[in-house]
Amino acid sequence: MSNLPKIAWIGLGIMGSPMSENLLKAGYSVTGFTLEQDKLDRLAEAGGSAAGSIAEAVEDADVVITMVPASPQVEAISYGPEGILENAKQGALIIDMSSITPQTSVDLAKNAAEKGIRVIDAPVSGGEAGAIEAVLSIMVGGERADFDEALPILEALGKTIVLCGPHGSGQTVKAANQLIVAVNIQACAEAVVFLEKSGVDLTAALDVLNGGLAGSTVLTRKKDNFLNRDFKPGFRIDLHHKDMGIVTDAARTWAPPFRSARSSPSSSPRCARRVTAAWTTRPCCAPSSASPASRSDPAPASPGPPISGRRRR
């Protein structure tokens, strides 16, 4: 019998499915729950167990990992009689890998502690490819002891794993990550149009750009997509817009709002509606209209001073 902790995984979407499968490959026992039956079937085919409810998934788990779209979904799966906090055993560790507001993470940790359950926020960066290849960057907020306990699990999912500070800090760093990525994607898209219109060799241009200061992970990952005009969506536009809402709300708390996040053409309601209607059929790097919850979430509280903790593999 394996001495590895039993894991419950809630949310088997674009990121959650390959990540849970990487844990199975690493020898962990994974019981999953999600709303789509085909995703549960995929987990079972990979060697995991499919649960019929959140309560069933978490009742015997040592570690509960959640990967859902936004703060309202995290709250929905965490609270209430069928939620994680009412059904997980005392001493269990929740690793929330969703991208949500820092304040939602702080509140979840506080409420879980009252029931003897520990929480760390551990959002990720790297996209679907990073999830499949287990090379994600994972930014963590929480107690060091809980981070150390979770580290072997996180090492099966990512390459760069950093404790950024107390609860909510991982989400704060993820918000900054999304700001950088959003601006980078938009700049790359505009540069490609500029280069194509100019008539230069696009392959040569992107190669030399990526070898200099303009080089980036975004350009490396998306270069072939640009060249082949392959714009199959890998991330929901409305979630990207939700992330921009998180970073601008945080900026209003701690600093002047970022012009790059709010003055982008894609952040206008008119463009957002247009993009939302078409995101599955044509390329777009712009965020769409956010869900109401993403704008009504409370402004995140300050995560406090950083705690040094870095682990690279």
C-alpha atoms as a PDB file:
ATOM      1  CA  MET A   1       0.000   0.000   0.000  1.00  0.00           C
ATOM      2  CA  SER A   2       1.295   3.450  -0.891  1.00  0.00           C
ATOM      3  CA  ASN A   3       2.308   5.820   1.887  1.00  0.00           C
ATOM      4  CA  LEU A   4       1.507   8.789  -0.309  1.00  0.00           C
ATOM      5  CA  PRO A   5      -1.403  10.980   0.784  1.00  0.00           C
ATOM      6  CA  LYS A   6      -4.833  10.356  -0.712  1.00  0.00           C
ATOM      7  CA  ILE A   7      -5.862  13.200  -2.990  1.00  0.00           C
ATOM      8  CA  ALA A   8      -9.261  14.547  -3.923  1.00  0.00           C
ATOM      9  CA  TRP A   9      -9.356  16.715  -7.039  1.00  0.00           C
ATOM     10  CA  ILE A  10     -12.265  19.099  -7.630  1.00  0.00           C
ATOM     11  CA  GLY A  11     -12.465  20.645 -11.106  1.00  0.00           C
ATOM     12  CA  LEU A  12     -11.277  18.652 -14.125  1.00  0.00           C
ATOM     13  CA  GLY A  13     -11.157  21.255 -16.855  1.00  0.00           C
ATOM     14  CA  ILE A  14      -8.483  22.248 -19.357  1.00  0.00           C
ATOM     15  CA  MET A  15      -5.908  22.537 -16.578  1.00  0.00           C
ATOM     16  CA  GLY A  16      -7.314  20.198 -13.953  1.00  0.00           C
ATOM     17  CA  SER A  17      -7.507  17.070 -16.094  1.00  0.00           C
ATOM     18  CA  PRO A  18      -3.841  16.880 -17.170  1.00  0.00           C
ATOM     19  CA  MET A  19      -2.647  18.007 -13.738  1.00  0.00           C
ATOM     20  CA  SER A  20      -4.590  15.278 -11.945  1.00  0.00           C
ATOM     21  CA  GLU A  21      -3.251  12.756 -14.452  1.00  0.00           C
ATOM     22  CA  ASN A  22       0.306  13.828 -13.661  1.00  0.00           C
ATOM     23  CA  LEU A  23      -0.356  13.032 -10.005  1.00  0.00           C
ATOM     24  CA  LEU A  24      -1.573   9.581 -11.026  1.00  0.00           C
ATOM     25  CA  LYS A  25       1.649   9.096 -12.995  1.00  0.00           C
ATOM     26  CA  ALA A  26       3.602  10.080  -9.885  1.00  0.00           C
ATOM     27  CA  GLY A  27       1.919   7.303  -7.912  1.00  0.00           C
ATOM     28  CA  TYR A  28      -0.762   9.233  -6.036  1.00  0.00           C
ATOM     29  CA  SER A  29      -4.290   7.964  -5.495  1.00  0.00           C
ATOM     30  CA  VAL A  30      -6.675  10.560  -6.967  1.00  0.00           C
ATOM     31  CA  THR A  31     -10.443  10.725  -6.553  1.00  0.00           C
ATOM     32  CA  GLY A  32     -12.016  13.410  -8.682  1.00  0.00           C
ATOM     33  CA  PHE A  33     -15.265  15.283  -9.024  1.00  0.00           C
ATOM     34  CA  THR A  34     -16.423  17.642 -11.748  1.00  0.00           C
ATOM     35  CA  LEU A  35     -19.702  18.429 -13.472  1.00  0.00           C
ATOM     36  CA  GLU A  36     -18.868  16.860 -16.845  1.00  0.00           C
ATOM     37  CA  GLN A  37     -19.191  13.090 -17.070  1.00  0.00           C
ATOM     38  CA  ASP A  38     -16.670  12.827 -19.914  1.00  0.00           C
ATOM     39  CA  LYS A  39     -14.022  14.414 -17.683  1.00  0.00           C
ATOM     40  CA  LEU A  40     -14.771  11.887 -14.942  1.00  0.00           C
ATOM     41  CA  ASP A  41     -14.506   9.091 -17.508  1.00  0.00           C
ATOM     42  CA  ARG A  42     -11.138  10.459 -18.617  1.00  0.00           C
ATOM     43  CA  LEU A  43      -9.866  10.435 -15.022  1.00  0.00           C
ATOM     44  CA  ALA A  44     -11.051   6.852 -14.536  1.00  0.00           C
ATOM     45  CA  GLU A  45      -9.357   5.750 -17.764  1.00  0.00           C
ATOM     46  CA  ALA A  46      -6.114   7.297 -16.489  1.00  0.00           C
ATOM     47  CA  GLY A  47      -6.310   5.255 -13.288  1.00  0.00           C
ATOM     48  CA  GLY A  48      -8.183   7.587 -10.958  1.00  0.00           C
ATOM     49  CA  SER A  49     -11.528   7.239  -9.245  1.00  0.00           C
ATOM     50  CA  ALA A  50     -14.649   9.222 -10.116  1.00  0.00           C
ATOM     51  CA  ALA A  51     -16.831  10.479  -7.276  1.00  0.00           C
ATOM     52  CA  GLY A  52     -20.513  11.318  -7.477  1.00  0.00           C
ATOM     53  CA  SER A  53     -20.249  14.423  -5.320  1.00  0.00           C
ATOM     54  CA  ILE A  54     -17.806  16.767  -3.635  1.00  0.00           C
ATOM     55  CA  ALA A  55     -18.613  15.183  -0.286  1.00  0.00           C
ATOM     56  CA  GLU A  56     -17.808  11.708  -1.595  1.00  0.00           C
ATOM     57  CA  ALA A  57     -14.565  12.880  -3.178  1.00  0.00           C
ATOM     58  CA  VAL A  58     -13.152  14.595  -0.085  1.00  0.00           C
ATOM     59  CA  GLU A  59     -14.371  12.465   2.809  1.00  0.00           C
ATOM     60  CA  ASP A  60     -11.263  10.261   3.012  1.00  0.00           C
ATOM     61  CA  ALA A  61      -8.758  12.620   1.378  1.00  0.00           C
ATOM     62  CA  ASP A  62      -5.597  13.828   3.087  1.00  0.00           C
ATOM     63  CA  VAL A  63      -5.227  16.578   0.486  1.00  0.00           C
ATOM     64  CA  VAL A  64      -7.978  18.327  -1.466  1.00  0.00           C
ATOM     65  CA  ILE A  65      -6.925  20.157  -4.636  1.00  0.00           C
ATOM     66  CA  THR A  66      -9.305  22.575  -6.293  1.00  0.00           C
ATOM     67  CA  MET A  67      -9.025  24.043  -9.794  1.00  0.00           C
ATOM     68  CA  VAL A  68     -12.147  25.972 -10.774  1.00  0.00           C
ATOM     69  CA  PRO A  69     -12.717  29.164 -12.801  1.00  0.00           C
ATOM     70  CA  ALA A  70     -13.208  31.992 -10.299  1.00  0.00           C
ATOM     71  CA  SER A  71     -14.053  33.117  -6.754  1.00  0.00           C
ATOM     72  CA  PRO A  72     -17.787  32.266  -6.935  1.00  0.00           C
ATOM     73  CA  GLN A  73     -16.980  28.680  -7.912  1.00  0.00           C
ATOM     74  CA  VAL A  74     -14.390  28.329  -5.141  1.00  0.00           C
ATOM     75  CA  GLU A  75     -16.981  29.538  -2.639  1.00  0.00           C
ATOM     76  CA  ALA A  76     -19.647  27.227  -4.070  1.00  0.00           C
ATOM     77  CA  ILE A  77     -17.521  24.096  -3.718  1.00  0.00           C
ATOM     78  CA  SER A  78     -16.056  25.074  -0.348  1.00  0.00           C
ATOM     79  CA  TYR A  79     -19.087  26.147   1.683  1.00  0.00           C
ATOM     80  CA  GLY A  80     -22.493  24.687   2.487  1.00  0.00           C
ATOM     81  CA  PRO A  81     -23.581  21.224   3.615  1.00  0.00           C
ATOM     82  CA  GLU A  82     -22.224  19.539   0.484  1.00  0.00           C
ATOM     83  CA  GLY A  83     -19.035  21.597   0.372  1.00  0.00           C
ATOM     84  CA  ILE A  84     -15.454  20.767   1.181  1.00  0.00           C
ATOM     85  CA  LEU A  85     -15.302  22.344   4.625  1.00  0.00           C
ATOM     86  CA  GLU A  86     -18.294  20.384   5.905  1.00  0.00           C
ATOM     87  CA  ASN A  87     -17.070  17.041   4.566  1.00  0.00           C
ATOM     88  CA  ALA A  88     -13.268  16.991   4.642  1.00  0.00           C
ATOM     89  CA  LYS A  89     -11.660  15.451   7.689  1.00  0.00           C
ATOM     90  CA  GLN A  90      -9.886  17.506  10.327  1.00  0.00           C
ATOM     91  CA  GLY A  91      -6.243  18.039   9.502  1.00  0.00           C
ATOM     92  CA  ALA A  92      -6.800  17.820   5.762  1.00  0.00           C
ATOM     93  CA  LEU A  93      -4.898  20.249   3.543  1.00  0.00           C
ATOM     94  CA  ILE A  94      -6.684  22.190   0.803  1.00  0.00           C
ATOM     95  CA  ILE A  95      -4.513  23.330  -2.100  1.00  0.00           C
ATOM     96  CA  ASP A  96      -6.561  25.816  -4.081  1.00  0.00           C
ATOM     97  CA  MET A  97      -4.972  26.206  -7.512  1.00  0.00           C
ATOM     98  CA  SER A  98      -7.744  28.375  -8.971  1.00  0.00           C
ATOM     99  CA  SER A  99      -7.060  31.974  -9.996  1.00  0.00           C
ATOM    100  CA  ILE A 100      -9.232  34.066  -7.672  1.00  0.00           C
ATOM    101  CA  THR A 101      -9.110  37.255  -5.618  1.00  0.00           C
ATOM    102  CA  PRO A 102      -6.570  37.297  -2.782  1.00  0.00           C
ATOM    103  CA  GLN A 103      -9.361  38.147  -0.338  1.00  0.00           C
ATOM    104  CA  THR A 104     -11.279  34.990  -1.286  1.00  0.00           C
ATOM    105  CA  SER A 105      -8.173  32.966  -0.409  1.00  0.00           C
ATOM    106  CA  VAL A 106      -7.722  34.797   2.894  1.00  0.00           C
ATOM    107  CA  ASP A 107     -11.370  34.202   3.835  1.00  0.00           C
ATOM    108  CA  LEU A 108     -11.227  30.530   2.871  1.00  0.00           C
ATOM    109  CA  ALA A 109      -8.132  29.942   4.995  1.00  0.00           C
ATOM    110  CA  LYS A 110      -9.754  31.656   7.985  1.00  0.00           C
ATOM    111  CA  ASN A 111     -13.009  29.707   7.704  1.00  0.00           C
ATOM    112  CA  ALA A 112     -11.216  26.413   7.130  1.00  0.00           C
ATOM    113  CA  ALA A 113      -9.014  26.922  10.195  1.00  0.00           C
ATOM    114  CA  GLU A 114     -12.125  27.106  12.353  1.00  0.00           C
ATOM    115  CA  LYS A 115     -12.853  23.518  11.296  1.00  0.00           C
ATOM    116  CA  GLY A 116      -9.294  22.276  11.722  1.00  0.00           C
ATOM    117  CA  ILE A 117      -8.572  22.290   7.978  1.00  0.00           C
ATOM    118  CA  ARG A 118      -5.506  23.945   6.477  1.00  0.00           C
ATOM    119  CA  VAL A 119      -5.368  25.892   3.215  1.00  0.00           C
ATOM    120  CA  ILE A 120      -2.751  27.211   0.835  1.00  0.00           C
ATOM    121  CA  ASP A 121      -3.453  29.205  -2.316  1.00  0.00           C
ATOM    122  CA  ALA A 122      -1.354  27.911  -5.192  1.00  0.00           C
ATOM    123  CA  PRO A 123      -2.394  29.355  -8.560  1.00  0.00           C
ATOM    124  CA  VAL A 124      -0.346  28.386 -11.583  1.00  0.00           C
ATOM    125  CA  SER A 125       1.087  29.842 -14.767  1.00  0.00           C
ATOM    126  CA  GLY A 126       2.052  27.991 -17.910  1.00  0.00           C
ATOM    127  CA  GLY A 127      -1.222  27.267 -19.622  1.00  0.00           C
ATOM    128  CA  GLU A 128      -2.524  23.964 -20.910  1.00  0.00           C
ATOM    129  CA  ALA A 129       0.870  22.984 -22.345  1.00  0.00           C
ATOM    130  CA  GLY A 130       2.552  23.610 -19.001  1.00  0.00           C
ATOM    131  CA  ALA A 131      -0.103  21.529 -17.254  1.00  0.00           C
ATOM    132  CA  ILE A 132       0.370  18.618 -19.656  1.00  0.00           C
ATOM    133  CA  GLU A 133       4.165  18.765 -19.451  1.00  0.00           C
ATOM    134  CA  ALA A 134       4.195  19.297 -15.656  1.00  0.00           C
ATOM    135  CA  VAL A 135       6.356  22.418 -15.977  1.00  0.00           C
ATOM    136  CA  LEU A 136       3.999  24.945 -14.402  1.00  0.00           C
ATOM    137  CA  SER A 137       5.132  27.872 -12.308  1.00  0.00           C
ATOM    138  CA  ILE A 138       3.303  27.675  -8.982  1.00  0.00           C
ATOM    139  CA  MET A 139       3.007  30.722  -6.712  1.00  0.00           C
ATOM    140  CA  VAL A 140       1.984  29.833  -3.156  1.00  0.00           C
ATOM    141  CA  GLY A 141       0.488  31.708  -0.223  1.00  0.00           C
ATOM    142  CA  GLY A 142       0.141  30.207   3.247  1.00  0.00           C
ATOM    143  CA  GLU A 143       2.047  28.780   6.188  1.00  0.00           C
ATOM    144  CA  ARG A 144       5.539  27.420   5.574  1.00  0.00           C
ATOM    145  CA  ALA A 145       4.768  24.091   7.256  1.00  0.00           C
ATOM    146  CA  ASP A 146       1.811  23.560   4.926  1.00  0.00           C
ATOM    147  CA  PHE A 147       3.906  24.614   1.930  1.00  0.00           C
ATOM    148  CA  ASP A 148       6.577  22.079   2.884  1.00  0.00           C
ATOM    149  CA  GLU A 149       3.964  19.350   3.217  1.00  0.00           C
ATOM    150  CA  ALA A 150       2.459  20.183  -0.158  1.00  0.00           C
ATOM    151  CA  LEU A 151       5.792  20.534  -1.952  1.00  0.00           C
ATOM    152  CA  PRO A 152       6.188  16.903  -3.136  1.00  0.00           C
ATOM    153  CA  ILE A 153       2.716  17.092  -4.687  1.00  0.00           C
ATOM    154  CA  LEU A 154       3.426  20.429  -6.316  1.00  0.00           C
ATOM    155  CA  GLU A 155       6.713  19.103  -7.697  1.00  0.00           C
ATOM    156  CA  ALA A 156       4.704  16.525  -9.667  1.00  0.00           C
ATOM    157  CA  LEU A 157       2.830  19.410 -11.303  1.00  0.00           C
ATOM    158  CA  GLY A 158       5.371  22.147 -11.856  1.00  0.00           C
ATOM    159  CA  LYS A 159       8.970  23.152 -12.208  1.00  0.00           C
ATOM    160  CA  THR A 160       9.172  26.451 -10.328  1.00  0.00           C
ATOM    161  CA  ILE A 161       7.414  26.438  -6.965  1.00  0.00           C
ATOM    162  CA  VAL A 162       7.712  29.504  -4.734  1.00  0.00           C
ATOM    163  CA  LEU A 163       6.267  30.407  -1.336  1.00  0.00           C
ATOM    164  CA  CYS A 164       5.423  34.077  -1.854  1.00  0.00           C
ATOM    165  CA  GLY A 165       4.031  34.974   1.575  1.00  0.00           C
ATOM    166  CA  PRO A 166       0.974  34.428   3.799  1.00  0.00           C
ATOM    167  CA  HIS A 167      -2.522  33.515   2.630  1.00  0.00           C
ATOM    168  CA  GLY A 168      -3.522  35.428  -0.488  1.00  0.00           C
ATOM    169  CA  SER A 169       0.050  36.105  -1.608  1.00  0.00           C
ATOM    170  CA  GLY A 170      -0.034  33.426  -4.287  1.00  0.00           C
ATOM    171  CA  GLN A 171      -3.122  35.045  -5.783  1.00  0.00           C
ATOM    172  CA  THR A 172      -1.527  38.497  -5.647  1.00  0.00           C
ATOM    173  CA  VAL A 173       1.499  37.248  -7.596  1.00  0.00           C
ATOM    174  CA  LYS A 174      -0.803  35.441 -10.044  1.00  0.00           C
ATOM    175  CA  ALA A 175      -2.644  38.709 -10.683  1.00  0.00           C
ATOM    176  CA  ALA A 176       0.662  40.342 -11.593  1.00  0.00           C
ATOM    177  CA  ASN A 177       1.441  37.362 -13.813  1.00  0.00           C
ATOM    178  CA  GLN A 178      -1.824  37.774 -15.688  1.00  0.00           C
ATOM    179  CA  LEU A 179      -1.153  41.466 -16.230  1.00  0.00           C
ATOM    180  CA  ILE A 180       2.240  40.702 -17.769  1.00  0.00           C
ATOM    181  CA  VAL A 181       0.879  37.863 -19.907  1.00  0.00           C
ATOM    182  CA  ALA A 182      -2.118  39.863 -21.154  1.00  0.00           C
ATOM    183  CA  VAL A 183       0.020  42.807 -22.243  1.00  0.00           C
ATOM    184  CA  ASN A 184       2.572  40.452 -23.821  1.00  0.00           C
ATOM    185  CA  ILE A 185      -0.029  38.555 -25.829  1.00  0.00           C
ATOM    186  CA  GLN A 186      -1.573  41.768 -27.097  1.00  0.00           C
ATOM    187  CA  ALA A 187       1.836  43.204 -28.041  1.00  0.00           C
ATOM    188  CA  CYS A 188       2.801  39.993 -29.865  1.00  0.00           C
ATOM    189  CA  ALA A 189      -0.476  39.941 -31.781  1.00  0.00           C
ATOM    190  CA  GLU A 190      -0.093  43.553 -32.876  1.00  0.00           C
ATOM    191  CA  ALA A 191       3.549  42.969 -33.826  1.00  0.00           C
ATOM    192  CA  VAL A 192       2.576  40.005 -36.011  1.00  0.00           C
ATOM    193  CA  VAL A 193      -0.005  42.086 -37.865  1.00  0.00           C
ATOM    194  CA  PHE A 194       2.561  44.868 -38.299  1.00  0.00           C
ATOM    195  CA  LEU A 195       5.163  42.441 -39.661  1.00  0.00           C
ATOM    196  CA  GLU A 196       2.732  40.730 -42.018  1.00  0.00           C
ATOM    197  CA  LYS A 197       1.550  44.068 -43.429  1.00  0.00           C
ATOM    198  CA  SER A 198       5.148  45.139 -43.977  1.00  0.00           C
ATOM    199  CA  GLY A 199       5.868  42.104 -46.159  1.00  0.00           C
ATOM    200  CA  VAL A 200       8.899  40.808 -44.253  1.00  0.00           C
ATOM    201  CA  ASP A 201       9.560  37.116 -43.684  1.00  0.00           C
ATOM    202  CA  LEU A 202       7.472  36.478 -40.570  1.00  0.00           C
ATOM    203  CA  THR A 203       9.365  33.322 -39.578  1.00  0.00           C
ATOM    204  CA  ALA A 204      12.696  35.095 -39.719  1.00  0.00           C
ATOM    205  CA  ALA A 205      11.337  38.127 -37.906  1.00  0.00           C
ATOM    206  CA  LEU A 206       9.907  36.116 -35.003  1.00  0.00           C
ATOM    207  CA  ASP A 207      13.104  34.080 -34.709  1.00  0.00           C
ATOM    208  CA  VAL A 208      15.315  37.121 -34.352  1.00  0.00           C
ATOM    209  CA  LEU A 209      12.877  38.924 -32.072  1.00  0.00           C
ATOM    210  CA  ASN A 210      12.694  35.948 -29.748  1.00  0.00           C
ATOM    211  CA  GLY A 211      16.481  35.865 -29.504  1.00  0.00           C
ATOM    212  CA  GLY A 212      16.643  39.403 -28.156  1.00  0.00           C
ATOM    213  CA  LEU A 213      15.064  41.472 -25.422  1.00  0.00           C
ATOM    214  CA  ALA A 214      11.649  41.090 -27.060  1.00  0.00           C
ATOM    215  CA  GLY A 215      11.828  37.334 -26.483  1.00  0.00           C
ATOM    216  CA  SER A 216       9.339  35.821 -24.059  1.00  0.00           C
ATOM    217  CA  THR A 217       7.664  32.598 -23.051  1.00  0.00           C
ATOM    218  CA  VAL A 218       4.510  33.879 -24.754  1.00  0.00           C
ATOM    219  CA  LEU A 219       6.349  34.335 -28.053  1.00  0.00           C
ATOM    220  CA  THR A 220       8.081  30.964 -27.696  1.00  0.00           C
ATOM    221  CA  ARG A 221       4.805  29.159 -26.963  1.00  0.00           C
ATOM    222  CA  LYS A 222       2.702  31.002 -29.525  1.00  0.00           C
ATOM    223  CA  LYS A 223       5.137  31.444 -32.407  1.00  0.00           C
ATOM    224  CA  ASP A 224       3.960  28.389 -34.320  1.00  0.00           C
ATOM    225  CA  ASN A 225       0.359  29.442 -33.773  1.00  0.00           C
ATOM    226  CA  PHE A 226       1.107  32.829 -35.307  1.00  0.00           C
ATOM    227  CA  LEU A 227       2.929  31.294 -38.259  1.00  0.00           C
ATOM    228  CA  ASN A 228       0.286  28.634 -38.932  1.00  0.00           C
ATOM    229  CA  ARG A 229      -2.644  30.908 -38.074  1.00  0.00           C
ATOM    230  CA  ASP A 230      -3.761  28.300 -35.582  1.00  0.00           C
ATOM    231  CA  PHE A 231      -5.893  30.203 -33.101  1.00  0.00           C
ATOM    232  CA  LYS A 232      -7.713  27.368 -31.386  1.00  0.00           C
ATOM    233  CA  PRO A 233      -8.737  28.747 -27.973  1.00  0.00           C
ATOM    234  CA  GLY A 234      -6.839  27.386 -24.981  1.00  0.00           C
ATOM    235  CA  PHE A 235      -8.322  29.682 -22.359  1.00  0.00           C
ATOM    236  CA  ARG A 236     -11.757  31.253 -21.975  1.00  0.00           C
ATOM    237  CA  ILE A 237     -11.814  34.928 -22.879  1.00  0.00           C
ATOM    238  CA  ASP A 238     -14.170  35.811 -20.029  1.00  0.00           C
ATOM    239  CA  LEU A 239     -11.733  34.287 -17.543  1.00  0.00           C
ATOM    240  CA  HIS A 240      -8.939  36.426 -18.954  1.00  0.00           C
ATOM    241  CA  HIS A 241     -11.121  39.473 -18.453  1.00  0.00           C
ATOM    242  CA  LYS A 242     -11.916  38.263 -14.936  1.00  0.00           C
ATOM    243  CA  ASP A 243      -8.188  38.179 -14.208  1.00  0.00           C
ATOM    244  CA  MET A 244      -7.805  41.765 -15.410  1.00  0.00           C
ATOM    245  CA  GLY A 245     -10.606  42.700 -13.026  1.00  0.00           C
ATOM    246  CA  ILE A 246      -8.715  41.089 -10.150  1.00  0.00           C
ATOM    247  CA  VAL A 247      -5.479  42.953 -10.861  1.00  0.00           C
ATOM    248  CA  THR A 248      -7.174  46.321 -11.367  1.00  0.00           C
ATOM    249  CA  ASP A 249      -9.184  45.902  -8.162  1.00  0.00           C
ATOM    250  CA  ALA A 250      -5.978  45.057  -6.288  1.00  0.00           C
ATOM    251  CA  ALA A 251      -4.219  48.027  -7.856  1.00  0.00           C
ATOM    252  CA  ARG A 252      -6.911  50.372  -6.561  1.00  0.00           C
ATOM    253  CA  THR A 253      -6.100  49.123  -3.071  1.00  0.00           C
ATOM    254  CA  TRP A 254      -2.311  49.263  -3.168  1.00  0.00           C
ATOM    255  CA  ALA A 255      -1.312  51.557  -6.038  1.00  0.00           C
ATOM    256  CA  PRO A 256      -2.694  53.716  -8.855  1.00  0.00           C
ATOM    257  CA  PRO A 257      -4.655  51.552 -11.345  1.00  0.00           C
ATOM    258  CA  PHE A 258      -2.489  50.227 -14.167  1.00  0.00           C
ATOM    259  CA  ARG A 259      -3.100  51.951 -17.482  1.00  0.00           C
ATOM    260  CA  SER A 260      -2.025  48.817 -19.354  1.00  0.00           C
ATOM    261  CA  ALA A 261      -4.825  46.815 -17.758  1.00  0.00           C
ATOM    262  CA  ARG A 262      -7.632  49.363 -18.096  1.00  0.00           C
ATOM    263  CA  SER A 263      -6.750  51.344 -21.229  1.00  0.00           C
ATOM    264  CA  SER A 264      -6.248  48.319 -23.456  1.00  0.00           C
ATOM    265  CA  PRO A 265      -8.769  48.316 -26.308  1.00  0.00           C
ATOM    266  CA  SER A 266      -9.829  44.860 -25.204  1.00  0.00           C
ATOM    267  CA  SER A 267     -10.889  46.128 -21.799  1.00  0.00           C
ATOM    268  CA  SER A 268     -13.695  48.309 -23.183  1.00  0.00           C
ATOM    269  CA  PRO A 269     -17.224  46.931 -22.721  1.00  0.00           C
ATOM    270  CA  ARG A 270     -17.936  47.283 -26.453  1.00  0.00           C
ATOM    271  CA  CYS A 271     -14.922  45.231 -27.477  1.00  0.00           C
ATOM    272  CA  ALA A 272     -15.515  42.799 -24.629  1.00  0.00           C
ATOM    273  CA  ARG A 273     -19.027  42.021 -25.858  1.00  0.00           C
ATOM    274  CA  ARG A 274     -17.777  41.572 -29.417  1.00  0.00           C
ATOM    275  CA  VAL A 275     -14.996  39.245 -28.304  1.00  0.00           C
ATOM    276  CA  THR A 276     -17.268  37.224 -26.045  1.00  0.00           C
ATOM    277  CA  ALA A 277     -19.551  36.464 -28.972  1.00  0.00           C
ATOM    278  CA  ALA A 278     -16.715  35.287 -31.196  1.00  0.00           C
ATOM    279  CA  TRP A 279     -13.968  33.848 -29.002  1.00  0.00           C
ATOM    280  CA  THR A 280     -14.560  30.254 -30.058  1.00  0.00           C
ATOM    281  CA  THR A 281     -14.429  30.984 -33.779  1.00  0.00           C
ATOM    282  CA  ARG A 282     -11.665  33.506 -34.380  1.00  0.00           C
ATOM    283  CA  PRO A 283      -8.336  34.557 -32.861  1.00  0.00           C
ATOM    284  CA  CYS A 284      -8.362  37.135 -30.140  1.00  0.00           C
ATOM    285  CA  CYS A 285      -5.992  38.073 -27.381  1.00  0.00           C
ATOM    286  CA  ALA A 286      -8.448  40.388 -25.666  1.00  0.00           C
ATOM    287  CA  PRO A 287     -10.456  39.671 -22.526  1.00  0.00           C
ATOM    288  CA  SER A 288     -14.236  39.647 -22.663  1.00  0.00           C
ATOM    289  CA  SER A 289     -16.893  40.855 -20.306  1.00  0.00           C
ATOM    290  CA  ALA A 290     -16.289  39.637 -16.788  1.00  0.00           C
ATOM    291  CA  SER A 291     -18.850  37.757 -14.805  1.00  0.00           C
ATOM    292  CA  PRO A 292     -20.669  40.014 -12.334  1.00  0.00           C
ATOM    293  CA  ALA A 293     -18.898  38.270  -9.487  1.00  0.00           C
ATOM    294  CA  SER A 294     -15.475  39.242 -10.782  1.00  0.00           C
ATOM    295  CA  ARG A 295     -16.380  42.904 -10.430  1.00  0.00           C
ATOM    296  CA  SER A 296     -18.243  42.594  -7.157  1.00  0.00           C
ATOM    297  CA  ASP A 297     -15.633  40.580  -5.292  1.00  0.00           C
ATOM    298  CA  PRO A 298     -14.281  42.552  -2.345  1.00  0.00           C
ATOM    299  CA  ALA A 299     -10.966  44.283  -2.825  1.00  0.00           C
ATOM    300  CA  PRO A 300      -8.157  41.985  -1.655  1.00  0.00           C
ATOM    301  CA  ALA A 301      -6.509  42.616   1.671  1.00  0.00           C
ATOM    302  CA  SER A 302      -2.789  43.212   1.818  1.00  0.00           C
ATOM    303  CA  PRO A 303      -0.960  39.875   2.011  1.00  0.00           C
ATOM    304  CA  GLY A 304       1.682  41.359   4.314  1.00  0.00           C
ATOM    305  CA  PRO A 305       5.454  41.100   4.024  1.00  0.00           C
ATOM    306  CA  PRO A 306       6.880  38.401   1.772  1.00  0.00           C
ATOM    307  CA  ILE A 307       8.219  35.160   3.129  1.00  0.00           C
ATOM    308  CA  SER A 308      11.227  33.865   1.293  1.00  0.00           C
ATOM    309  CA  GLY A 309      10.793  30.350   0.056  1.00  0.00           C
ATOM    310  CA  ARG A 310      11.933  29.161  -3.317  1.00  0.00           C
ATOM    311  CA  ARG A 311      12.227  25.695  -4.740  1.00  0.00           C
ATOM    312  CA  ARG A 312      13.362  24.970  -8.278  1.00  0.00           C
ATOM    313  CA  ARG A 313      13.755  21.639  -9.875  1.00  0.00           C
END
